[in-house]
Each structure stands twice: as C-alpha cells, then as structure tokens.
Amino acid sequence: MTTKLETLELALKNALGEGAAISSALGEVTVVVKAADYIRSMQALRDTPALRFEQMIDLCGVDYSQYGEGTWEGPRFAVVVHLLSVQHNWRVRVRVFCTDDDMPMIESITPIWRAANWFEREAFDLFGILFDGHGDLRRILTDYGFIGHPFRKDFPITGYVEMRYDPEQKRVIYQPVTIEPRENIPRVIREETYGTSK
C-alpha cells in the first residue's frame, strides 16, 4: 500500500523527469530544479493533472553564504516556492539556485501564478534577486532611495543612512547613521543576602 507522500513523489518524478532532485523529510517533499528548467517545471507542476498545484502559497529568497557555518560551496542565492494542490490536498517545496552570485537572476513565475508578484518584489528588495520577465520589479518594503539589500548576510547591521522627518524642511531627509556606543554595566550585588527576606 503506497502512502500519500509516495504517491506525490512518484507523480513528481513522472512530471519533472530526471532534471529534478526530489527528497522528503519530516513529511514534506522538496524538489530542487535547475535554473534552466525552472519555468518548464513550474508549468508542469500546475498543469499536470496528477499534481494540479493550482496555488502558490509563498515565495522567498535565501542567502546561503554562511550556511553550514561557512562550509557551503554551492551557489549563494536561491528562490524557494511553496505550492498547494487543493484538489489532491498536498504541498511541495520547490528550490531553484541562481547561477550568478554577483547578479542573481531567475525567471519570474508571475505568468503562471499572479500571486507571485508581491513575493518576487519582496525577494528582490530584501535579497537583490532579479526576476526576469516581472512586469513591475521595484522595492516593496524599503524606501526607493535605499541602497543595498538588508537580508543579505553581508549587509551591515546598522546600515549606512537613517531617515527622519525634518520639520524645518517639511520633508523626509537622509543622514549618516548616528549610533553611539553603549556601555553595559554589570550588575553588582552588594551583600550576600541581597534579594532575600530576612
């Protein structure tokens, strides 16, 4: 008797062929596809009757630069997509690695799932991953004048500039970050019976 997970894995192998690496752990199935096969694979996941992943639940970027305590030797950036099939009541995670670490780019899946629009904009804004064919790829969470991508693991924690509203100029202005060093004073217990009732 085959389980639901085994049925899903078999359907994925039949639809995606040898180009996809399929694994399962903790009751979840992950498919890793090559960047060149990404759009074809996503189309197959949606349109194959045995799969019918009609809903894209989530899409996010991942920075692997410090993965495994710095032992990772693969591509730095990946896009991870979570899909749901309402008809078959199963889910799958799809991971695709960007081929260029300096300018990570992957094709947009907005023609397949329109819900990917804002998710791809968020991955672009926070990780700097470009989505080829996206109709409106612009920042969504940070300011339009923001420089850099805050979820990259090499982004400075304090940033470069801060913004504030200037009442004299009646507009938002940018200025260099002004963070003063903070002194941590250790707690000193003055007597042995401190905090106990006498």
Protein backbone atom coordinates (compact mmCIF):
# COMPACT_ATOMS: atom_id res chain seq x y z
CA MET A 1 0.00 0.00 0.00
CA THR A 2 1.52 3.32 -1.06
CA THR A 3 1.25 6.34 1.18
CA LYS A 4 0.13 9.76 0.04
CA LEU A 5 3.73 11.00 0.23
CA GLU A 6 4.96 8.17 -2.01
CA THR A 7 2.17 8.87 -4.49
CA LEU A 8 3.20 12.53 -4.63
CA GLU A 9 6.88 11.67 -5.12
CA LEU A 10 6.04 9.28 -7.96
CA ALA A 11 3.81 11.89 -9.66
CA LEU A 12 6.61 14.48 -9.32
CA LYS A 13 9.18 12.10 -10.86
CA ASN A 14 6.86 11.36 -13.78
CA ALA A 15 6.10 15.04 -14.43
CA LEU A 16 9.56 16.54 -13.92
CA GLY A 17 11.82 13.74 -15.12
CA GLU A 18 15.48 13.27 -14.24
CA GLY A 19 16.25 17.02 -14.13
CA ALA A 20 14.69 17.43 -10.68
CA ALA A 21 16.10 16.21 -7.38
CA ILE A 22 13.22 15.06 -5.16
CA SER A 23 13.64 14.40 -1.45
CA SER A 24 11.35 14.07 1.53
CA ALA A 25 11.91 14.67 5.22
CA LEU A 26 9.53 15.11 8.15
CA GLY A 27 6.53 14.51 5.92
CA GLU A 28 7.47 17.29 3.46
CA VAL A 29 8.60 16.95 -0.15
CA THR A 30 11.28 19.23 -1.60
CA VAL A 31 12.09 19.48 -5.29
CA VAL A 32 15.32 21.13 -6.44
CA VAL A 33 15.25 22.18 -10.10
CA LYS A 34 17.91 23.76 -12.28
CA ALA A 35 17.53 27.41 -13.24
CA ALA A 36 17.24 26.46 -16.93
CA ASP A 37 14.31 24.11 -16.14
CA TYR A 38 12.56 26.39 -13.63
CA ILE A 39 9.68 27.77 -15.75
CA ARG A 40 9.04 24.46 -17.51
CA SER A 41 8.97 22.64 -14.16
CA MET A 42 6.66 25.18 -12.54
CA GLN A 43 4.29 24.99 -15.53
CA ALA A 44 4.29 21.20 -15.24
CA LEU A 45 3.56 21.37 -11.50
CA ARG A 46 0.50 23.49 -12.17
CA ASP A 47 -0.83 21.83 -15.33
CA THR A 48 -0.15 18.10 -14.82
CA PRO A 49 -3.48 16.51 -13.79
CA ALA A 50 -1.74 14.14 -11.36
CA LEU A 51 -0.26 17.13 -9.49
CA ARG A 52 -2.51 20.21 -10.01
CA PHE A 53 -0.60 22.69 -7.82
CA GLU A 54 -3.02 25.50 -8.52
CA GLN A 55 -1.99 27.76 -5.64
CA MET A 56 1.35 29.38 -4.96
CA ILE A 57 1.44 29.87 -1.18
CA ASP A 58 4.82 31.50 -0.65
CA LEU A 59 7.99 32.57 -2.42
CA CYS A 60 11.14 33.79 -0.69
CA GLY A 61 14.83 34.32 -1.25
CA VAL A 62 17.59 32.53 0.64
CA ASP A 63 21.22 33.58 1.12
CA TYR A 64 23.45 30.52 1.60
CA SER A 65 26.69 32.47 2.07
CA GLN A 66 27.11 31.35 5.70
CA TYR A 67 25.12 28.12 5.53
CA GLY A 68 26.67 25.20 7.39
CA GLU A 69 28.94 27.54 9.33
CA GLY A 70 30.56 28.73 6.11
CA THR A 71 31.17 25.29 4.59
CA TRP A 72 28.62 25.76 1.79
CA GLU A 73 30.29 25.64 -1.63
CA GLY A 74 27.26 25.89 -3.90
CA PRO A 75 25.56 28.94 -5.39
CA ARG A 76 24.91 31.73 -2.90
CA PHE A 77 21.29 32.66 -3.67
CA ALA A 78 18.19 30.52 -4.09
CA VAL A 79 14.48 31.06 -4.54
CA VAL A 80 12.14 28.79 -2.58
CA VAL A 81 8.49 28.41 -3.58
CA HIS A 82 5.75 26.61 -1.65
CA LEU A 83 2.85 25.24 -3.68
CA LEU A 84 -0.51 23.77 -2.70
CA SER A 85 -2.83 21.45 -4.56
CA VAL A 86 -6.36 21.89 -3.26
CA GLN A 87 -7.64 19.08 -5.46
CA HIS A 88 -5.15 16.49 -4.16
CA ASN A 89 -4.60 18.09 -0.72
CA TRP A 90 -0.82 18.09 -0.83
CA ARG A 91 2.04 20.56 -0.74
CA VAL A 92 5.50 20.78 -2.23
CA ARG A 93 8.54 23.00 -1.76
CA VAL A 94 10.49 23.95 -4.89
CA ARG A 95 14.04 25.31 -4.64
CA VAL A 96 16.00 26.82 -7.53
CA PHE A 97 19.51 28.25 -7.25
CA CYS A 98 20.54 31.40 -9.10
CA THR A 99 23.52 30.73 -11.35
CA ASP A 100 25.31 34.08 -10.84
CA ASP A 101 26.24 35.17 -7.30
CA ASP A 102 27.14 38.72 -8.35
CA MET A 103 23.83 39.36 -10.11
CA PRO A 104 21.35 36.68 -9.02
CA MET A 105 18.59 36.33 -11.59
CA ILE A 106 15.81 33.84 -12.15
CA GLU A 107 12.76 33.86 -14.39
CA SER A 108 9.52 35.25 -13.00
CA ILE A 109 6.62 32.88 -12.37
CA THR A 110 4.03 35.67 -12.39
CA PRO A 111 2.67 34.44 -15.76
CA ILE A 112 1.92 31.09 -14.06
CA TRP A 113 0.74 32.35 -10.65
CA ARG A 114 -0.19 36.03 -10.41
CA ALA A 115 0.18 35.81 -6.62
CA ALA A 116 3.96 35.65 -7.11
CA ASN A 117 4.02 39.38 -7.98
CA TRP A 118 4.49 40.81 -4.47
CA PHE A 119 6.57 37.87 -3.25
CA GLU A 120 9.08 38.34 -6.08
CA ARG A 121 9.22 42.08 -5.36
CA GLU A 122 9.97 41.28 -1.71
CA ALA A 123 12.77 38.83 -2.65
CA PHE A 124 14.20 41.49 -4.95
CA ASP A 125 14.01 44.19 -2.30
CA LEU A 126 15.45 42.18 0.59
CA PHE A 127 17.91 39.86 -1.21
CA GLY A 128 18.61 41.58 -4.53
CA ILE A 129 17.36 38.63 -6.60
CA LEU A 130 16.19 39.81 -10.03
CA PHE A 131 13.17 38.17 -11.66
CA ASP A 132 13.40 38.24 -15.44
CA GLY A 133 10.04 38.99 -17.02
CA HIS A 134 8.46 40.51 -13.92
CA GLY A 135 6.27 43.42 -15.03
CA ASP A 136 6.84 45.72 -12.04
CA LEU A 137 10.02 44.79 -10.19
CA ARG A 138 10.60 47.58 -7.69
CA ARG A 139 11.12 47.92 -3.96
CA ILE A 140 8.19 46.99 -1.77
CA LEU A 141 9.38 47.23 1.86
CA THR A 142 12.33 49.60 1.87
CA ASP A 143 12.40 53.18 0.62
CA TYR A 144 13.02 53.73 -3.11
CA GLY A 145 16.27 55.53 -2.30
CA PHE A 146 17.52 52.69 -0.09
CA ILE A 147 20.92 51.33 -1.09
CA GLY A 148 21.60 47.63 -0.70
CA HIS A 149 19.51 44.62 0.28
CA PRO A 150 19.01 44.15 4.04
CA PHE A 151 18.62 40.33 4.16
CA ARG A 152 21.95 39.64 2.52
CA LYS A 153 24.23 38.21 5.15
CA ASP A 154 26.97 40.69 4.23
CA PHE A 155 24.71 43.75 4.75
CA PRO A 156 25.89 45.92 7.68
CA ILE A 157 23.66 45.54 10.72
CA THR A 158 23.42 49.26 11.34
CA GLY A 159 23.05 50.30 7.69
CA TYR A 160 24.61 53.40 6.20
CA VAL A 161 21.97 56.09 6.48
CA GLU A 162 18.90 56.77 8.56
CA MET A 163 15.91 58.84 7.64
CA ARG A 164 13.83 61.20 9.69
CA TYR A 165 11.26 63.90 9.14
CA ASP A 166 12.74 67.39 9.35
CA PRO A 167 10.04 69.87 10.48
CA GLU A 168 12.06 72.86 9.22
CA GLN A 169 12.42 71.49 5.69
CA LYS A 170 8.99 69.80 5.89
CA ARG A 171 10.24 66.62 4.25
CA VAL A 172 12.00 63.35 4.97
CA ILE A 173 15.80 63.66 4.95
CA TYR A 174 18.62 61.14 4.95
CA GLN A 175 21.66 61.45 7.17
CA PRO A 176 24.52 59.16 8.18
CA VAL A 177 23.66 56.67 10.90
CA THR A 178 24.37 58.07 14.36
CA ILE A 179 24.66 55.19 16.78
CA GLU A 180 26.58 55.96 19.91
CA PRO A 181 28.46 53.15 21.64
CA ARG A 182 26.52 51.72 24.54
CA GLU A 183 28.18 50.86 27.82
CA ASN A 184 26.93 47.74 29.52
CA ILE A 185 27.32 47.99 33.26
CA PRO A 186 27.49 44.63 35.02
CA ARG A 187 25.07 44.02 37.83
CA VAL A 188 26.78 44.35 41.18
CA ILE A 189 25.37 42.51 44.19
CA ARG A 190 26.35 44.46 47.25
CA GLU A 191 25.61 41.96 50.02
CA GLU A 192 25.22 38.22 50.32
CA THR A 193 21.59 38.37 51.44
CA TYR A 194 20.53 40.69 48.61
CA GLY A 195 17.01 39.90 47.43
CA THR A 196 16.12 37.51 50.22
CA SER A 197 13.74 38.14 53.07
CA LYS A 198 15.35 38.47 56.48
